[in-house]
């Protein structure tokens, strides 16, 4: 019997000291290993040798969309890691261990993806529209060294 189905609307993201965010959307929790599938050689009688061989694992960037507030810690994290105006970039010492957690209907943790050594490589501020009724959103894109499904 399968476990409880998880809904896509009960989740959270945190990265070390970055907490208490209103997360609108998370995407890009992916790992990919495209195998090499070329013909590796030809043998006697012209028989071609082919083998699907694993190659280097690639990690997709993770996109986090948050509801904008007066809190600027996501932007400051991006700025420390990327901007080279004045002080040198500090991406190495500002990498964080992060996680994405999915909850069941009672609010218990049911799935967890740990993100290894991540830092923001892209920041996008909100689109502001005078006639719009939507909440302002900020988006950060994280580069990382791996994702591990814990639950």
Foldseek 3Di string as FASTA:
>chain_A
DDDDDFDPPAKAKDWVVRDDFAWDDKDQQDKDWQWDWDFPDADPPRRTHTDGHTDDMDGTKMKIKTQDDPDCPLVVQQCQQDDCDPNHRDLQVSFTWMKMFTAHPVRDTDKMKIFARKGFPDKDWFDDDPPDDDGTMIMTIIDGDDIDIDD
